[in-house]
Amino acid sequence: MAIGAGVAGTIRGVLAGAVSDEVDPGARTANRWAMAINVRRCLEREGCRACIDACHVEHNVPTINSIRHEIKWIWKESFKDVFRDEMHAHMDDALAEKKSLVLCNHCDNPPCVGVCPTKATWKRPDGIVMMDEHRCIGCRYCITGCPYGARSFNWLDPRPYISTGIRKEYPTRTKGVVEKCTFCTERLAKGLLPSCVEVCNKVAGPGTMFFGDAADVKSEVVRALKAGFSVRRKPGLGTEPQVFYIV
């Protein structure tokens, strides 16, 4: 569903720092970036799309109302489908029947990287799995390799479907290439948090999403993970996903 002009305007205001020409004194760096989502806090605002809309406005993600052609960097799926291996007869209905946020897991062992013939997708030293649409030849091997459905293919020219206005600060894509979440590397370079994290914690309140260095025991994301029980998507596959869900 297309977001309204009022919502888009609010999001643009929150993201004002991201579109400024001024560069912050230092980029955010980490040995291993990771994200944690407080699922129960998120579910307190059922139907909220603040993080999704922020991400899609920030990165010129088109709004195509077709399951076959839709493009998504961050979206929601049923908790019981996302965490099928965690389900049991006594699962809390407040979780099982709700929608959970999903996105690229920026795996330690990303199968998408190994199957890309042009190296259009690769893993940075800090763990972020990148996507270079200019080198993508549209073979879609990475889509087949990803067990999380975290990549979208542009079957159509996406530009006519950018309903909130094209942000010149982030490149648009073309028909025939794959795209996905990159943990907002362009914002990290400016010393900013990923747009989803920044907006979510302003709309839903601090402590709903965490982002930081998983290799630093003093980082906010590690403290949050140690303070509560968390799960990951399909950990049995050995991909070592770095998006955690605090339940």
C-alpha atoms as a PDB file:
ATOM      1  CA  MET A   1       0.000   0.000   0.000  1.00  0.00           C
ATOM      2  CA  ALA A   2       1.408   3.392  -0.941  1.00  0.00           C
ATOM      3  CA  ILE A   3       2.255   5.628   1.981  1.00  0.00           C
ATOM      4  CA  GLY A   4       0.497   8.959   2.172  1.00  0.00           C
ATOM      5  CA  ALA A   5       2.075  12.322   1.617  1.00  0.00           C
ATOM      6  CA  GLY A   6       1.688  13.191   5.309  1.00  0.00           C
ATOM      7  CA  VAL A   7       3.510  10.061   6.454  1.00  0.00           C
ATOM      8  CA  ALA A   8       6.215  10.528   3.844  1.00  0.00           C
ATOM      9  CA  GLY A   9       6.660  14.124   4.956  1.00  0.00           C
ATOM     10  CA  THR A  10       7.065  13.070   8.583  1.00  0.00           C
ATOM     11  CA  ILE A  11       9.609  10.431   7.659  1.00  0.00           C
ATOM     12  CA  ARG A  12      11.554  12.899   5.547  1.00  0.00           C
ATOM     13  CA  GLY A  13      11.704  15.190   8.581  1.00  0.00           C
ATOM     14  CA  VAL A  14      13.070  12.440  10.813  1.00  0.00           C
ATOM     15  CA  LEU A  15      15.643  11.531   8.172  1.00  0.00           C
ATOM     16  CA  ALA A  16      16.729  15.125   7.604  1.00  0.00           C
ATOM     17  CA  GLY A  17      20.269  14.355   8.710  1.00  0.00           C
ATOM     18  CA  ALA A  18      20.592  11.699   6.019  1.00  0.00           C
ATOM     19  CA  VAL A  19      19.921  14.107   3.168  1.00  0.00           C
ATOM     20  CA  SER A  20      22.156  16.873   4.416  1.00  0.00           C
ATOM     21  CA  ASP A  21      25.329  17.731   2.488  1.00  0.00           C
ATOM     22  CA  GLU A  22      27.168  18.057   5.793  1.00  0.00           C
ATOM     23  CA  VAL A  23      29.182  14.993   6.764  1.00  0.00           C
ATOM     24  CA  ASP A  24      29.363  14.023  10.427  1.00  0.00           C
ATOM     25  CA  PRO A  25      32.826  14.082  12.043  1.00  0.00           C
ATOM     26  CA  GLY A  26      33.220  10.316  11.921  1.00  0.00           C
ATOM     27  CA  ALA A  27      31.632   7.287  10.323  1.00  0.00           C
ATOM     28  CA  ARG A  28      30.149   4.516  12.435  1.00  0.00           C
ATOM     29  CA  THR A  29      32.421   1.485  12.395  1.00  0.00           C
ATOM     30  CA  ALA A  30      32.273  -2.013  13.847  1.00  0.00           C
ATOM     31  CA  ASN A  31      34.060  -5.327  13.685  1.00  0.00           C
ATOM     32  CA  ARG A  32      30.748  -7.090  13.107  1.00  0.00           C
ATOM     33  CA  TRP A  33      27.476  -5.214  12.651  1.00  0.00           C
ATOM     34  CA  ALA A  34      24.320  -6.837  14.016  1.00  0.00           C
ATOM     35  CA  MET A  35      20.695  -5.894  14.604  1.00  0.00           C
ATOM     36  CA  ALA A  36      18.257  -6.909  17.337  1.00  0.00           C
ATOM     37  CA  ILE A  37      14.484  -6.406  17.242  1.00  0.00           C
ATOM     38  CA  ASN A  38      12.428  -6.450  20.438  1.00  0.00           C
ATOM     39  CA  VAL A  39       9.470  -8.391  19.055  1.00  0.00           C
ATOM     40  CA  ARG A  40       7.039  -7.754  21.919  1.00  0.00           C
ATOM     41  CA  ARG A  41       7.752  -4.019  21.918  1.00  0.00           C
ATOM     42  CA  CYS A  42       7.222  -4.011  18.168  1.00  0.00           C
ATOM     43  CA  LEU A  43       3.900  -5.834  18.516  1.00  0.00           C
ATOM     44  CA  GLU A  44       2.607  -3.180  20.916  1.00  0.00           C
ATOM     45  CA  ARG A  45       2.096  -1.070  17.777  1.00  0.00           C
ATOM     46  CA  GLU A  46       0.403  -3.635  15.566  1.00  0.00           C
ATOM     47  CA  GLY A  47       0.075  -2.347  12.039  1.00  0.00           C
ATOM     48  CA  CYS A  48       2.928   0.134  12.452  1.00  0.00           C
ATOM     49  CA  ARG A  49       5.021   0.556   9.284  1.00  0.00           C
ATOM     50  CA  ALA A  50       7.323   3.363  10.410  1.00  0.00           C
ATOM     51  CA  CYS A  51      10.565   1.424   9.887  1.00  0.00           C
ATOM     52  CA  ILE A  52       9.397  -0.044   6.576  1.00  0.00           C
ATOM     53  CA  ASP A  53       8.276   3.294   5.183  1.00  0.00           C
ATOM     54  CA  ALA A  54      11.464   5.006   6.395  1.00  0.00           C
ATOM     55  CA  CYS A  55      13.650   2.426   4.663  1.00  0.00           C
ATOM     56  CA  HIS A  56      11.676   2.540   1.433  1.00  0.00           C
ATOM     57  CA  VAL A  57      11.621   6.346   1.287  1.00  0.00           C
ATOM     58  CA  GLU A  58      15.335   6.508   2.090  1.00  0.00           C
ATOM     59  CA  HIS A  59      16.318   4.070  -0.661  1.00  0.00           C
ATOM     60  CA  ASN A  60      13.828   4.871  -3.424  1.00  0.00           C
ATOM     61  CA  VAL A  61      12.127   1.495  -3.101  1.00  0.00           C
ATOM     62  CA  PRO A  62       9.146   1.374  -5.484  1.00  0.00           C
ATOM     63  CA  THR A  63       5.616   0.630  -4.315  1.00  0.00           C
ATOM     64  CA  ILE A  64       4.312  -2.043  -6.692  1.00  0.00           C
ATOM     65  CA  ASN A  65       1.015  -3.570  -5.586  1.00  0.00           C
ATOM     66  CA  SER A  66       1.718  -7.009  -6.991  1.00  0.00           C
ATOM     67  CA  ILE A  67       3.097 -10.025  -5.140  1.00  0.00           C
ATOM     68  CA  ARG A  68       4.858 -11.062  -8.330  1.00  0.00           C
ATOM     69  CA  HIS A  69       6.569  -7.721  -8.918  1.00  0.00           C
ATOM     70  CA  GLU A  70       6.846  -6.135  -5.457  1.00  0.00           C
ATOM     71  CA  ILE A  71      10.203  -4.855  -4.196  1.00  0.00           C
ATOM     72  CA  LYS A  72      10.919  -4.930  -0.481  1.00  0.00           C
ATOM     73  CA  TRP A  73      13.951  -4.298   1.698  1.00  0.00           C
ATOM     74  CA  ILE A  74      12.188  -4.727   5.038  1.00  0.00           C
ATOM     75  CA  TRP A  75       8.696  -6.138   5.454  1.00  0.00           C
ATOM     76  CA  LYS A  76       6.436  -8.192   7.715  1.00  0.00           C
ATOM     77  CA  GLU A  77       5.504 -11.861   7.689  1.00  0.00           C
ATOM     78  CA  SER A  78       3.584 -14.080  10.090  1.00  0.00           C
ATOM     79  CA  PHE A  79       5.679 -14.955  13.148  1.00  0.00           C
ATOM     80  CA  LYS A  80       4.672 -18.609  12.873  1.00  0.00           C
ATOM     81  CA  ASP A  81       5.977 -18.706   9.303  1.00  0.00           C
ATOM     82  CA  VAL A  82       9.163 -16.771  10.014  1.00  0.00           C
ATOM     83  CA  PHE A  83      10.042 -18.957  13.008  1.00  0.00           C
ATOM     84  CA  ARG A  84       8.506 -22.236  11.929  1.00  0.00           C
ATOM     85  CA  ASP A  85      11.229 -24.232  13.724  1.00  0.00           C
ATOM     86  CA  GLU A  86      10.472 -22.456  17.002  1.00  0.00           C
ATOM     87  CA  MET A  87       6.736 -23.137  17.032  1.00  0.00           C
ATOM     88  CA  HIS A  88       5.032 -25.549  19.441  1.00  0.00           C
ATOM     89  CA  ALA A  89       1.522 -26.200  20.784  1.00  0.00           C
ATOM     90  CA  HIS A  90       1.976 -23.838  23.735  1.00  0.00           C
ATOM     91  CA  MET A  91       3.415 -20.856  21.895  1.00  0.00           C
ATOM     92  CA  ASP A  92       2.073 -17.528  23.125  1.00  0.00           C
ATOM     93  CA  ASP A  93      -0.713 -16.493  20.743  1.00  0.00           C
ATOM     94  CA  ALA A  94       0.409 -12.883  21.138  1.00  0.00           C
ATOM     95  CA  LEU A  95       3.466 -13.898  19.132  1.00  0.00           C
ATOM     96  CA  ALA A  96       2.289 -16.749  16.929  1.00  0.00           C
ATOM     97  CA  GLU A  97      -0.584 -14.877  15.280  1.00  0.00           C
ATOM     98  CA  LYS A  98       1.210 -11.575  14.754  1.00  0.00           C
ATOM     99  CA  LYS A  99       3.413 -10.153  12.033  1.00  0.00           C
ATOM    100  CA  SER A 100       7.189 -10.028  12.487  1.00  0.00           C
ATOM    101  CA  LEU A 101       9.708  -7.783  10.760  1.00  0.00           C
ATOM    102  CA  VAL A 102      12.062  -9.491   8.329  1.00  0.00           C
ATOM    103  CA  LEU A 103      14.967  -8.266   6.233  1.00  0.00           C
ATOM    104  CA  CYS A 104      18.346  -9.401   4.939  1.00  0.00           C
ATOM    105  CA  ASN A 105      20.111 -11.239   7.777  1.00  0.00           C
ATOM    106  CA  HIS A 106      23.642 -10.208   6.745  1.00  0.00           C
ATOM    107  CA  CYS A 107      24.801 -13.729   7.456  1.00  0.00           C
ATOM    108  CA  ASP A 108      28.299 -14.695   8.495  1.00  0.00           C
ATOM    109  CA  ASN A 109      28.119 -17.475   5.891  1.00  0.00           C
ATOM    110  CA  PRO A 110      25.928 -15.897   3.178  1.00  0.00           C
ATOM    111  CA  PRO A 111      25.067 -18.407   0.431  1.00  0.00           C
ATOM    112  CA  CYS A 112      24.105 -15.550  -1.884  1.00  0.00           C
ATOM    113  CA  VAL A 113      27.721 -14.389  -2.083  1.00  0.00           C
ATOM    114  CA  GLY A 114      29.105 -17.726  -3.193  1.00  0.00           C
ATOM    115  CA  VAL A 115      26.699 -18.160  -6.098  1.00  0.00           C
ATOM    116  CA  CYS A 116      26.999 -14.663  -7.632  1.00  0.00           C
ATOM    117  CA  PRO A 117      29.033 -14.999 -10.864  1.00  0.00           C
ATOM    118  CA  THR A 118      29.933 -11.301 -11.139  1.00  0.00           C
ATOM    119  CA  LYS A 119      30.655 -10.539  -7.468  1.00  0.00           C
ATOM    120  CA  ALA A 120      27.797  -8.051  -7.537  1.00  0.00           C
ATOM    121  CA  THR A 121      27.072  -9.241  -4.017  1.00  0.00           C
ATOM    122  CA  TRP A 122      29.853  -9.582  -1.472  1.00  0.00           C
ATOM    123  CA  LYS A 123      30.481  -9.434   2.270  1.00  0.00           C
ATOM    124  CA  ARG A 124      32.348  -6.493   3.750  1.00  0.00           C
ATOM    125  CA  PRO A 125      34.951  -7.017   6.501  1.00  0.00           C
ATOM    126  CA  ASP A 126      32.412  -5.659   9.010  1.00  0.00           C
ATOM    127  CA  GLY A 127      29.910  -8.358   8.010  1.00  0.00           C
ATOM    128  CA  ILE A 128      27.475  -6.333   5.884  1.00  0.00           C
ATOM    129  CA  VAL A 129      26.388  -8.227   2.773  1.00  0.00           C
ATOM    130  CA  MET A 130      26.454  -5.697  -0.046  1.00  0.00           C
ATOM    131  CA  MET A 131      24.690  -5.438  -3.394  1.00  0.00           C
ATOM    132  CA  ASP A 132      26.069  -3.587  -6.440  1.00  0.00           C
ATOM    133  CA  GLU A 133      23.181  -3.254  -8.876  1.00  0.00           C
ATOM    134  CA  HIS A 134      25.539  -1.927 -11.578  1.00  0.00           C
ATOM    135  CA  ARG A 135      27.399  -5.243 -11.669  1.00  0.00           C
ATOM    136  CA  CYS A 136      24.257  -7.381 -11.407  1.00  0.00           C
ATOM    137  CA  ILE A 137      23.418  -9.252 -14.617  1.00  0.00           C
ATOM    138  CA  GLY A 138      20.017 -10.398 -13.392  1.00  0.00           C
ATOM    139  CA  CYS A 139      20.804 -14.120 -13.247  1.00  0.00           C
ATOM    140  CA  ARG A 140      18.955 -14.344  -9.883  1.00  0.00           C
ATOM    141  CA  TYR A 141      21.267 -17.035  -8.510  1.00  0.00           C
ATOM    142  CA  CYS A 142      21.452 -15.001  -5.300  1.00  0.00           C
ATOM    143  CA  ILE A 143      17.665 -15.105  -4.953  1.00  0.00           C
ATOM    144  CA  THR A 144      17.773 -18.873  -5.286  1.00  0.00           C
ATOM    145  CA  GLY A 145      20.652 -19.105  -2.818  1.00  0.00           C
ATOM    146  CA  CYS A 146      19.075 -16.917  -0.114  1.00  0.00           C
ATOM    147  CA  PRO A 147      16.969 -19.065   2.262  1.00  0.00           C
ATOM    148  CA  TYR A 148      15.220 -15.992   3.695  1.00  0.00           C
ATOM    149  CA  GLY A 149      13.564 -14.472   0.634  1.00  0.00           C
ATOM    150  CA  ALA A 150      15.445 -11.255   1.361  1.00  0.00           C
ATOM    151  CA  ARG A 151      16.160 -10.224  -2.232  1.00  0.00           C
ATOM    152  CA  SER A 152      13.881  -8.657  -4.814  1.00  0.00           C
ATOM    153  CA  PHE A 153      14.195  -8.680  -8.611  1.00  0.00           C
ATOM    154  CA  ASN A 154      13.124  -5.721 -10.706  1.00  0.00           C
ATOM    155  CA  TRP A 155      10.848  -7.267 -13.300  1.00  0.00           C
ATOM    156  CA  LEU A 156       9.695  -3.735 -14.141  1.00  0.00           C
ATOM    157  CA  ASP A 157      11.369  -0.350 -14.342  1.00  0.00           C
ATOM    158  CA  PRO A 158      11.036   0.697 -10.675  1.00  0.00           C
ATOM    159  CA  ARG A 159      11.233   4.465 -11.152  1.00  0.00           C
ATOM    160  CA  PRO A 160       7.586   5.072 -12.171  1.00  0.00           C
ATOM    161  CA  TYR A 161       6.508   3.322  -8.958  1.00  0.00           C
ATOM    162  CA  ILE A 162       8.381   5.558  -6.528  1.00  0.00           C
ATOM    163  CA  SER A 163       5.290   7.288  -5.193  1.00  0.00           C
ATOM    164  CA  THR A 164       6.907   9.608  -2.625  1.00  0.00           C
ATOM    165  CA  GLY A 165       9.331  11.367  -4.958  1.00  0.00           C
ATOM    166  CA  ILE A 166      12.813  10.228  -5.937  1.00  0.00           C
ATOM    167  CA  ARG A 167      15.548  11.109  -3.459  1.00  0.00           C
ATOM    168  CA  LYS A 168      18.556  12.187  -5.488  1.00  0.00           C
ATOM    169  CA  GLU A 169      20.865  11.261  -2.601  1.00  0.00           C
ATOM    170  CA  TYR A 170      20.384   7.537  -3.212  1.00  0.00           C
ATOM    171  CA  PRO A 171      20.669   5.908  -6.674  1.00  0.00           C
ATOM    172  CA  THR A 172      17.597   4.392  -8.269  1.00  0.00           C
ATOM    173  CA  ARG A 173      17.729   0.965  -9.899  1.00  0.00           C
ATOM    174  CA  THR A 174      16.823  -0.333 -13.336  1.00  0.00           C
ATOM    175  CA  LYS A 175      14.766  -3.171 -14.705  1.00  0.00           C
ATOM    176  CA  GLY A 176      16.540  -6.528 -14.597  1.00  0.00           C
ATOM    177  CA  VAL A 177      18.608  -6.207 -11.405  1.00  0.00           C
ATOM    178  CA  VAL A 178      18.358  -7.504  -7.840  1.00  0.00           C
ATOM    179  CA  GLU A 179      18.283  -5.271  -4.764  1.00  0.00           C
ATOM    180  CA  LYS A 180      18.084  -5.653  -0.992  1.00  0.00           C
ATOM    181  CA  CYS A 181      18.838  -4.145   2.427  1.00  0.00           C
ATOM    182  CA  THR A 182      22.450  -3.071   2.988  1.00  0.00           C
ATOM    183  CA  PHE A 183      22.132  -1.975   6.653  1.00  0.00           C
ATOM    184  CA  CYS A 184      22.194   1.630   5.357  1.00  0.00           C
ATOM    185  CA  THR A 185      25.929   1.733   4.677  1.00  0.00           C
ATOM    186  CA  GLU A 186      25.495   5.204   3.187  1.00  0.00           C
ATOM    187  CA  ARG A 187      24.160   6.418   6.538  1.00  0.00           C
ATOM    188  CA  LEU A 188      26.812   4.608   8.590  1.00  0.00           C
ATOM    189  CA  ALA A 189      29.433   6.472   6.542  1.00  0.00           C
ATOM    190  CA  LYS A 190      27.901   9.722   7.816  1.00  0.00           C
ATOM    191  CA  GLY A 191      27.835   8.598  11.425  1.00  0.00           C
ATOM    192  CA  LEU A 192      24.093   7.846  11.353  1.00  0.00           C
ATOM    193  CA  LEU A 193      22.094   4.774  12.346  1.00  0.00           C
ATOM    194  CA  PRO A 194      20.166   2.744   9.757  1.00  0.00           C
ATOM    195  CA  SER A 195      16.957   4.574   8.904  1.00  0.00           C
ATOM    196  CA  CYS A 196      14.715   1.764  10.203  1.00  0.00           C
ATOM    197  CA  VAL A 197      16.409   1.819  13.615  1.00  0.00           C
ATOM    198  CA  GLU A 198      16.395   5.595  13.932  1.00  0.00           C
ATOM    199  CA  VAL A 199      12.754   6.037  12.959  1.00  0.00           C
ATOM    200  CA  CYS A 200      11.482   2.995  14.864  1.00  0.00           C
ATOM    201  CA  ASN A 201      13.014   4.125  18.138  1.00  0.00           C
ATOM    202  CA  LYS A 202      11.501   7.579  17.683  1.00  0.00           C
ATOM    203  CA  VAL A 203       8.023   6.304  16.812  1.00  0.00           C
ATOM    204  CA  ALA A 204       7.780   3.160  18.969  1.00  0.00           C
ATOM    205  CA  GLY A 205      10.199   4.290  21.646  1.00  0.00           C
ATOM    206  CA  PRO A 206      13.837   3.540  22.517  1.00  0.00           C
ATOM    207  CA  GLY A 207      14.667  -0.132  22.918  1.00  0.00           C
ATOM    208  CA  THR A 208      12.516  -1.440  20.078  1.00  0.00           C
ATOM    209  CA  MET A 209      15.384  -1.899  17.615  1.00  0.00           C
ATOM    210  CA  PHE A 210      19.094  -2.134  18.368  1.00  0.00           C
ATOM    211  CA  PHE A 211      22.070  -1.856  16.041  1.00  0.00           C
ATOM    212  CA  GLY A 212      25.721  -2.128  16.887  1.00  0.00           C
ATOM    213  CA  ASP A 213      28.923  -4.119  17.061  1.00  0.00           C
ATOM    214  CA  ALA A 214      28.285  -7.763  17.936  1.00  0.00           C
ATOM    215  CA  ALA A 215      32.009  -8.130  18.644  1.00  0.00           C
ATOM    216  CA  ASP A 216      31.913  -5.470  21.377  1.00  0.00           C
ATOM    217  CA  VAL A 217      30.520  -6.802  24.672  1.00  0.00           C
ATOM    218  CA  LYS A 218      29.825  -3.225  25.759  1.00  0.00           C
ATOM    219  CA  SER A 219      27.758  -2.329  22.700  1.00  0.00           C
ATOM    220  CA  GLU A 220      24.051  -1.632  23.058  1.00  0.00           C
ATOM    221  CA  VAL A 221      23.049  -4.528  20.820  1.00  0.00           C
ATOM    222  CA  VAL A 222      25.102  -7.058  22.819  1.00  0.00           C
ATOM    223  CA  ARG A 223      23.740  -5.755  26.133  1.00  0.00           C
ATOM    224  CA  ALA A 224      20.204  -6.096  24.793  1.00  0.00           C
ATOM    225  CA  LEU A 225      20.822  -9.666  23.623  1.00  0.00           C
ATOM    226  CA  LYS A 226      22.339 -10.686  26.955  1.00  0.00           C
ATOM    227  CA  ALA A 227      19.408  -9.179  28.843  1.00  0.00           C
ATOM    228  CA  GLY A 228      16.735 -11.291  27.125  1.00  0.00           C
ATOM    229  CA  PHE A 229      16.114 -14.483  25.181  1.00  0.00           C
ATOM    230  CA  SER A 230      16.504 -14.147  21.425  1.00  0.00           C
ATOM    231  CA  VAL A 231      16.013 -16.282  18.322  1.00  0.00           C
ATOM    232  CA  ARG A 232      17.245 -16.127  14.733  1.00  0.00           C
ATOM    233  CA  ARG A 233      15.730 -17.239  11.451  1.00  0.00           C
ATOM    234  CA  LYS A 234      16.637 -20.779  10.353  1.00  0.00           C
ATOM    235  CA  PRO A 235      19.874 -20.993  12.371  1.00  0.00           C
ATOM    236  CA  GLY A 236      20.133 -24.710  11.551  1.00  0.00           C
ATOM    237  CA  LEU A 237      21.188 -23.858   8.000  1.00  0.00           C
ATOM    238  CA  GLY A 238      24.576 -22.697   9.226  1.00  0.00           C
ATOM    239  CA  THR A 239      24.340 -19.250   7.654  1.00  0.00           C
ATOM    240  CA  GLU A 240      24.816 -17.558  11.065  1.00  0.00           C
ATOM    241  CA  PRO A 241      22.264 -14.731  10.579  1.00  0.00           C
ATOM    242  CA  GLN A 242      23.101 -11.482  12.360  1.00  0.00           C
ATOM    243  CA  VAL A 243      19.558 -10.197  12.822  1.00  0.00           C
ATOM    244  CA  PHE A 244      18.262 -11.283  16.235  1.00  0.00           C
ATOM    245  CA  TYR A 245      14.715 -11.277  17.606  1.00  0.00           C
ATOM    246  CA  ILE A 246      14.283 -10.675  21.334  1.00  0.00           C
ATOM    247  CA  VAL A 247      11.137 -12.535  22.386  1.00  0.00           C
END
